[in-house]
N, C-alpha and C. Protein backbone atom coordinates (compact mmCIF):
# COMPACT_ATOMS: atom_id res chain seq x y z
N MET A 1 1.02 -1.01 -0.10
CA MET A 1 0.09 -0.04 -0.11
C MET A 1 0.93 1.33 -0.09
N VAL A 2 0.41 2.07 -0.98
CA VAL A 2 1.24 3.16 -0.68
C VAL A 2 0.38 4.42 -0.48
N VAL A 3 0.60 5.50 0.02
CA VAL A 3 -0.18 6.79 0.23
C VAL A 3 0.50 7.96 0.16
N SER A 4 0.17 8.91 -0.97
CA SER A 4 0.69 10.23 -0.87
C SER A 4 -0.35 11.13 -0.44
N VAL A 5 0.45 11.97 -0.19
CA VAL A 5 -0.55 12.96 0.88
C VAL A 5 -0.10 14.54 0.31
N SER A 6 -1.24 15.42 0.53
CA SER A 6 -0.70 16.82 0.23
C SER A 6 -1.69 17.84 0.78
N SER A 7 -1.47 18.86 1.30
CA SER A 7 -2.63 19.73 1.97
C SER A 7 -2.35 21.24 1.57
N SER A 8 -3.38 21.99 1.79
CA SER A 8 -3.29 23.38 1.54
C SER A 8 -4.51 24.12 1.98
N ASP A 9 -4.19 25.14 3.01
CA ASP A 9 -5.35 25.56 3.84
C ASP A 9 -6.20 24.53 4.37
N ALA A 10 -5.74 23.96 5.33
CA ALA A 10 -6.28 22.91 5.97
C ALA A 10 -6.96 21.69 5.19
N PHE A 11 -7.07 21.72 4.02
CA PHE A 11 -7.75 20.57 2.83
C PHE A 11 -6.89 19.70 2.87
N LEU A 12 -6.96 18.15 2.85
CA LEU A 12 -6.40 17.26 2.75
C LEU A 12 -6.68 16.26 1.42
N ARG A 13 -5.85 16.17 0.63
CA ARG A 13 -6.00 15.26 -0.64
C ARG A 13 -4.76 14.26 -0.60
N TYR A 14 -5.20 13.11 -0.72
CA TYR A 14 -4.45 11.81 -0.66
C TYR A 14 -4.59 10.94 -1.56
N ASP A 15 -3.76 10.03 -2.00
CA ASP A 15 -4.00 8.71 -2.95
C ASP A 15 -3.67 7.67 -2.20
N LEU A 16 -4.38 6.58 -2.50
CA LEU A 16 -4.06 5.24 -1.86
C LEU A 16 -4.09 4.06 -2.85
N TYR A 17 -2.92 3.61 -3.08
CA TYR A 17 -2.60 2.31 -4.18
C TYR A 17 -2.72 1.24 -3.34
N ARG A 18 -3.37 0.12 -3.76
CA ARG A 18 -3.18 -0.95 -3.09
C ARG A 18 -3.69 -2.28 -4.04
N CYS A 19 -3.23 -3.42 -3.47
CA CYS A 19 -3.43 -4.61 -3.95
C CYS A 19 -4.13 -5.57 -3.33
N GLU A 20 -5.21 -6.11 -3.81
CA GLU A 20 -6.10 -7.17 -3.02
C GLU A 20 -5.62 -8.54 -3.74
N PHE A 21 -5.44 -9.34 -3.00
CA PHE A 21 -5.06 -10.75 -3.40
C PHE A 21 -5.47 -12.01 -2.74
N ASN A 22 -5.46 -13.20 -3.28
CA ASN A 22 -5.40 -14.27 -2.23
C ASN A 22 -4.60 -15.46 -3.03
N SER A 23 -4.05 -15.17 -3.85
CA SER A 23 -2.73 -16.08 -4.31
C SER A 23 -1.87 -15.40 -5.33
N THR A 24 -0.94 -15.90 -5.70
CA THR A 24 0.01 -15.00 -6.36
C THR A 24 0.01 -15.00 -7.87
N GLU A 25 -1.21 -15.73 -8.43
CA GLU A 25 -1.73 -15.51 -9.64
C GLU A 25 -2.38 -14.25 -10.20
N LEU A 26 -1.66 -13.56 -11.05
CA LEU A 26 -2.07 -12.32 -11.52
C LEU A 26 -3.61 -12.08 -11.73
N GLU A 27 -4.16 -13.24 -12.20
CA GLU A 27 -5.56 -13.03 -12.48
C GLU A 27 -6.37 -13.02 -11.04
N ASP A 28 -5.81 -13.39 -10.10
CA ASP A 28 -6.52 -13.41 -8.47
C ASP A 28 -6.23 -11.93 -7.66
N ILE A 29 -5.53 -11.20 -8.79
CA ILE A 29 -5.00 -10.05 -7.92
C ILE A 29 -5.88 -8.58 -8.65
N GLU A 30 -6.47 -7.84 -7.47
CA GLU A 30 -6.94 -6.61 -8.26
C GLU A 30 -6.05 -5.09 -7.50
N PHE A 31 -5.97 -4.51 -8.60
CA PHE A 31 -5.04 -3.09 -8.23
C PHE A 31 -6.30 -2.34 -8.03
N ILE A 32 -6.08 -1.52 -6.84
CA ILE A 32 -7.31 -0.26 -6.73
C ILE A 32 -6.20 1.29 -6.42
N TYR A 33 -6.72 2.08 -7.10
CA TYR A 33 -6.00 3.25 -6.94
C TYR A 33 -7.25 4.16 -6.48
N SER A 34 -7.36 5.00 -5.35
CA SER A 34 -8.10 5.64 -4.84
C SER A 34 -8.06 7.02 -4.52
N MET A 35 -8.56 8.03 -4.87
CA MET A 35 -8.24 9.39 -4.67
C MET A 35 -9.18 9.90 -3.52
N TYR A 36 -8.76 10.44 -2.46
CA TYR A 36 -9.62 11.04 -1.62
C TYR A 36 -9.12 12.62 -1.40
N TYR A 37 -10.43 13.43 -1.03
CA TYR A 37 -10.24 14.75 -0.58
C TYR A 37 -11.12 14.92 0.78
N ASN A 38 -10.51 15.53 1.72
CA ASN A 38 -10.80 15.67 2.92
C ASN A 38 -11.87 14.39 3.63
N ARG A 39 -11.07 13.21 3.57
CA ARG A 39 -11.54 11.96 3.81
C ARG A 39 -12.59 11.17 3.06
N LYS A 40 -12.95 12.00 2.04
CA LYS A 40 -13.85 11.13 1.38
C LYS A 40 -13.55 10.88 -0.14
N GLU A 41 -13.45 9.45 -0.56
CA GLU A 41 -13.22 8.79 -1.63
C GLU A 41 -14.05 9.66 -2.78
N PHE A 42 -13.24 10.36 -3.93
CA PHE A 42 -14.12 11.08 -4.76
C PHE A 42 -13.84 10.02 -6.38
N MET A 43 -12.80 9.44 -6.28
CA MET A 43 -12.49 8.49 -7.55
C MET A 43 -11.73 7.43 -7.42
N ARG A 44 -11.86 6.31 -8.17
CA ARG A 44 -11.19 5.15 -7.95
C ARG A 44 -11.05 4.66 -9.30
N PHE A 45 -9.61 3.99 -9.67
CA PHE A 45 -9.53 3.05 -10.60
C PHE A 45 -9.54 1.55 -10.22
N SER A 46 -10.21 0.90 -10.66
CA SER A 46 -10.09 -0.93 -10.37
C SER A 46 -9.76 -1.60 -11.35
N SER A 47 -8.69 -2.51 -11.40
CA SER A 47 -8.55 -3.13 -12.57
C SER A 47 -9.18 -4.47 -12.50
N SER A 48 -10.10 -4.91 -11.77
CA SER A 48 -11.28 -5.51 -12.23
C SER A 48 -12.39 -5.01 -13.29
N LEU A 49 -12.71 -3.72 -13.00
CA LEU A 49 -13.62 -2.91 -13.76
C LEU A 49 -12.74 -2.58 -15.10
N GLY A 50 -11.47 -2.14 -14.89
CA GLY A 50 -10.84 -1.41 -15.98
C GLY A 50 -11.08 -0.04 -16.22
N ARG A 51 -11.50 0.36 -15.57
CA ARG A 51 -12.00 1.96 -15.78
C ARG A 51 -12.06 2.83 -14.38
N PHE A 52 -12.17 4.10 -14.58
CA PHE A 52 -12.44 4.81 -13.15
C PHE A 52 -13.81 4.91 -12.90
N VAL A 53 -13.91 5.28 -11.69
CA VAL A 53 -15.57 5.36 -11.20
C VAL A 53 -15.47 6.40 -10.29
N GLY A 54 -16.32 7.47 -10.55
CA GLY A 54 -16.57 8.59 -9.63
C GLY A 54 -17.59 8.43 -8.53
N TYR A 55 -17.27 9.07 -7.57
CA TYR A 55 -18.39 9.07 -6.27
C TYR A 55 -18.62 10.17 -5.90
N THR A 56 -18.44 11.21 -6.38
CA THR A 56 -18.75 12.75 -6.10
C THR A 56 -18.99 13.23 -7.20
N GLU A 57 -19.50 14.39 -7.46
CA GLU A 57 -19.97 15.49 -8.65
C GLU A 57 -18.53 15.64 -9.58
N HIS A 58 -17.62 15.97 -8.49
CA HIS A 58 -16.05 16.35 -9.33
C HIS A 58 -15.59 15.03 -9.60
N GLY A 59 -15.54 13.77 -8.95
CA GLY A 59 -15.21 12.51 -9.54
C GLY A 59 -15.78 11.99 -10.60
N VAL A 60 -17.20 12.13 -10.50
CA VAL A 60 -17.76 11.65 -11.96
C VAL A 60 -17.41 12.27 -12.83
N LYS A 61 -17.01 13.75 -13.11
CA LYS A 61 -16.38 14.29 -14.20
C LYS A 61 -15.22 13.94 -14.54
N ASN A 62 -14.30 13.71 -13.65
CA ASN A 62 -12.98 13.23 -13.93
C ASN A 62 -13.00 11.89 -14.31
N ALA A 63 -13.82 10.85 -13.63
CA ALA A 63 -13.71 9.49 -14.03
C ALA A 63 -14.22 9.54 -15.61
N GLU A 64 -15.00 10.31 -15.97
CA GLU A 64 -15.73 10.40 -17.48
C GLU A 64 -14.32 10.64 -18.60
N ARG A 65 -13.86 11.82 -18.04
CA ARG A 65 -12.64 12.08 -18.55
C ARG A 65 -11.49 11.18 -18.91
N ALA A 66 -11.18 10.85 -17.78
CA ALA A 66 -10.12 9.55 -17.81
C ALA A 66 -10.55 8.49 -18.48
N ASN A 67 -12.01 8.16 -18.52
CA ASN A 67 -12.36 6.78 -19.17
C ASN A 67 -12.36 6.56 -20.66
N LYS A 68 -12.54 8.27 -21.18
CA LYS A 68 -12.41 8.34 -22.58
C LYS A 68 -10.99 8.39 -23.23
N ASP A 69 -9.94 8.65 -22.47
CA ASP A 69 -8.74 8.58 -22.85
C ASP A 69 -7.98 7.21 -23.07
N PRO A 70 -7.57 6.53 -24.02
CA PRO A 70 -7.27 5.08 -24.28
C PRO A 70 -5.90 5.26 -23.26
N SER A 71 -5.04 6.22 -23.55
CA SER A 71 -3.57 6.33 -23.09
C SER A 71 -3.56 6.10 -21.56
N ILE A 72 -4.60 7.16 -20.85
CA ILE A 72 -4.56 6.85 -19.36
C ILE A 72 -5.03 5.66 -18.88
N LEU A 73 -6.12 5.16 -19.56
CA LEU A 73 -6.82 3.46 -19.17
C LEU A 73 -5.53 2.64 -19.17
N SER A 74 -4.83 2.55 -20.56
CA SER A 74 -3.99 1.81 -20.55
C SER A 74 -2.78 1.74 -19.69
N GLY A 75 -2.51 3.18 -19.01
CA GLY A 75 -1.26 3.12 -18.10
C GLY A 75 -1.94 2.65 -16.68
N TRP A 76 -3.21 2.94 -16.39
CA TRP A 76 -3.67 2.30 -15.06
C TRP A 76 -3.71 0.96 -15.01
N LYS A 77 -4.26 0.35 -16.26
CA LYS A 77 -4.38 -1.25 -16.32
C LYS A 77 -3.06 -1.68 -16.23
N ALA A 78 -2.05 -1.29 -16.68
CA ALA A 78 -0.63 -1.62 -16.63
C ALA A 78 -0.09 -1.77 -15.16
N GLN A 79 -0.66 -1.02 -14.52
CA GLN A 79 -0.12 -0.75 -12.94
C GLN A 79 -0.49 -2.15 -11.96
N LYS A 80 -1.37 -2.83 -12.31
CA LYS A 80 -1.76 -4.37 -11.81
C LYS A 80 -0.37 -5.21 -11.67
N GLU A 81 0.11 -5.22 -13.05
CA GLU A 81 1.44 -5.96 -13.17
C GLU A 81 2.54 -5.18 -12.58
N ARG A 82 2.60 -4.27 -13.10
CA ARG A 82 3.90 -3.28 -12.58
C ARG A 82 3.96 -3.22 -10.90
N TYR A 83 3.05 -2.61 -10.49
CA TYR A 83 3.04 -2.44 -8.92
C TYR A 83 2.99 -3.78 -8.27
N CYS A 84 1.82 -4.39 -8.30
CA CYS A 84 1.45 -5.90 -7.80
C CYS A 84 2.21 -6.76 -8.00
N LYS A 85 2.49 -6.97 -9.12
CA LYS A 85 2.93 -8.26 -9.31
C LYS A 85 4.54 -8.41 -8.78
N GLN A 86 5.45 -7.30 -8.87
CA GLN A 86 6.61 -7.32 -8.34
C GLN A 86 6.67 -7.46 -6.72
N HIS A 87 5.58 -7.50 -6.15
CA HIS A 87 5.65 -7.29 -4.63
C HIS A 87 5.16 -8.36 -4.07
N ILE A 88 3.96 -9.13 -4.92
CA ILE A 88 3.13 -10.14 -4.61
C ILE A 88 3.68 -11.26 -3.82
N ASP A 89 4.85 -11.91 -4.34
CA ASP A 89 5.56 -13.02 -3.79
C ASP A 89 5.91 -12.83 -2.35
N ILE A 90 6.68 -11.54 -2.13
CA ILE A 90 7.05 -11.39 -0.71
C ILE A 90 5.81 -10.96 0.08
N TRP A 91 4.71 -10.34 -0.22
CA TRP A 91 3.62 -10.40 0.37
C TRP A 91 2.74 -11.83 0.95
N TYR A 92 2.88 -12.58 -0.09
CA TYR A 92 2.09 -13.55 -0.09
C TYR A 92 3.04 -14.67 1.01
N ASN A 93 4.06 -14.64 0.58
CA ASN A 93 5.30 -15.64 1.49
C ASN A 93 5.20 -15.09 2.81
N ASN A 94 5.15 -13.71 3.47
CA ASN A 94 5.07 -13.26 4.52
C ASN A 94 3.71 -12.94 5.35
N MET A 95 2.84 -12.98 4.63
CA MET A 95 1.50 -12.84 5.11
C MET A 95 0.24 -14.03 4.74
N LEU A 96 -0.19 -14.28 3.36
CA LEU A 96 -1.08 -15.11 3.46
C LEU A 96 -0.72 -16.66 3.49
N SER A 97 0.62 -17.05 3.60
CA SER A 97 1.25 -18.22 3.58
C SER A 97 1.20 -18.93 4.94
N LYS A 98 1.11 -17.47 5.97
CA LYS A 98 1.60 -17.91 7.60
C LYS A 98 -0.14 -17.86 7.78
N SER A 99 -0.61 -19.14 8.34
CA SER A 99 -1.66 -19.28 8.73
C SER A 99 -1.62 -19.94 10.09
N VAL A 100 -2.66 -19.91 11.01
CA VAL A 100 -2.97 -20.57 12.22
C VAL A 100 -4.37 -21.06 12.60
N VAL A 101 -4.44 -22.22 13.04
CA VAL A 101 -5.70 -22.61 13.58
C VAL A 101 -6.46 -21.26 14.51
N PRO A 102 -7.79 -21.11 14.04
CA PRO A 102 -8.37 -20.04 14.76
C PRO A 102 -8.93 -20.86 16.11
N ARG A 103 -8.82 -19.97 17.24
CA ARG A 103 -9.09 -20.42 18.62
C ARG A 103 -9.95 -19.42 18.97
N VAL A 104 -11.04 -19.88 19.76
CA VAL A 104 -12.32 -18.78 20.18
C VAL A 104 -12.79 -19.52 21.45
N ARG A 105 -12.95 -18.50 22.40
CA ARG A 105 -13.41 -18.93 23.68
C ARG A 105 -14.66 -18.31 23.74
N VAL A 106 -15.89 -19.10 24.17
CA VAL A 106 -17.16 -18.37 24.22
C VAL A 106 -17.72 -18.52 25.98
N GLN A 107 -17.87 -17.43 26.17
CA GLN A 107 -18.40 -17.57 27.72
C GLN A 107 -19.72 -16.87 28.12
N SER A 108 -20.35 -17.23 29.11
CA SER A 108 -21.82 -16.69 29.20
C SER A 108 -21.67 -16.04 30.48
N LEU A 109 -21.95 -14.74 30.19
CA LEU A 109 -22.04 -13.83 31.31
C LEU A 109 -23.22 -13.11 31.64
N ALA A 110 -23.64 -12.42 32.79
CA ALA A 110 -24.58 -11.84 33.11
C ALA A 110 -24.53 -10.24 32.73
N PRO A 111 -25.63 -9.95 31.77
CA PRO A 111 -25.18 -8.34 31.30
C PRO A 111 -25.39 -7.37 32.40
N SER A 112 -24.51 -6.34 32.49
CA SER A 112 -24.81 -5.26 33.32
C SER A 112 -25.98 -4.25 33.13
N GLY A 113 -26.73 -4.44 32.32
CA GLY A 113 -27.89 -3.89 32.25
C GLY A 113 -29.07 -4.52 31.28
N GLY A 114 -30.21 -4.51 31.10
CA GLY A 114 -31.03 -4.99 30.30
C GLY A 114 -31.85 -5.85 30.66
N HIS A 115 -32.59 -6.27 29.95
CA HIS A 115 -33.32 -7.66 30.20
C HIS A 115 -33.22 -8.85 29.88
N HIS A 116 -32.15 -9.25 29.52
CA HIS A 116 -31.68 -10.42 28.94
C HIS A 116 -30.92 -11.18 30.28
N PRO A 117 -31.24 -12.50 30.50
CA PRO A 117 -30.70 -13.05 31.79
C PRO A 117 -29.14 -13.38 31.44
N ALA A 118 -28.67 -13.58 30.18
CA ALA A 118 -27.19 -13.84 29.98
C ALA A 118 -26.87 -13.42 28.81
N MET A 119 -25.75 -13.37 28.38
CA MET A 119 -25.04 -13.06 27.03
C MET A 119 -23.97 -14.01 26.76
N LEU A 120 -23.73 -14.27 25.56
CA LEU A 120 -22.65 -14.92 25.25
C LEU A 120 -21.26 -13.94 24.81
N VAL A 121 -20.09 -14.20 25.11
CA VAL A 121 -18.98 -13.31 24.73
C VAL A 121 -17.90 -13.90 24.20
N CYS A 122 -17.45 -13.75 22.89
CA CYS A 122 -16.48 -14.24 22.38
C CYS A 122 -15.17 -13.71 22.44
N SER A 123 -14.14 -14.42 22.65
CA SER A 123 -12.77 -13.80 22.85
C SER A 123 -11.58 -14.66 22.27
């Protein structure tokens, strides 16, 4: 994940690049580039969709403009292989291949308030 941040007059603009995956195969990887302004996502590129999607009025206008330009789209489509693929083996070997057997403990407790005689608590 990469985050780039810029601010001006207390307004905050940042971009988030991420790869979502469950194997090392390129077809199982999704590259997502999200753009935020004051904590609100306004536009996103998804390699699964192959295009930009806008979430605000400003984002919709920019997404429409970017989706009409083949050179912009091809550049962002290439990011999946360029950005995700070069890191995926490291991430997979250090995170996804490390699994443990889940352990859950359930207790019956008397609630501090309310009308229920008991409640189950997982930990």
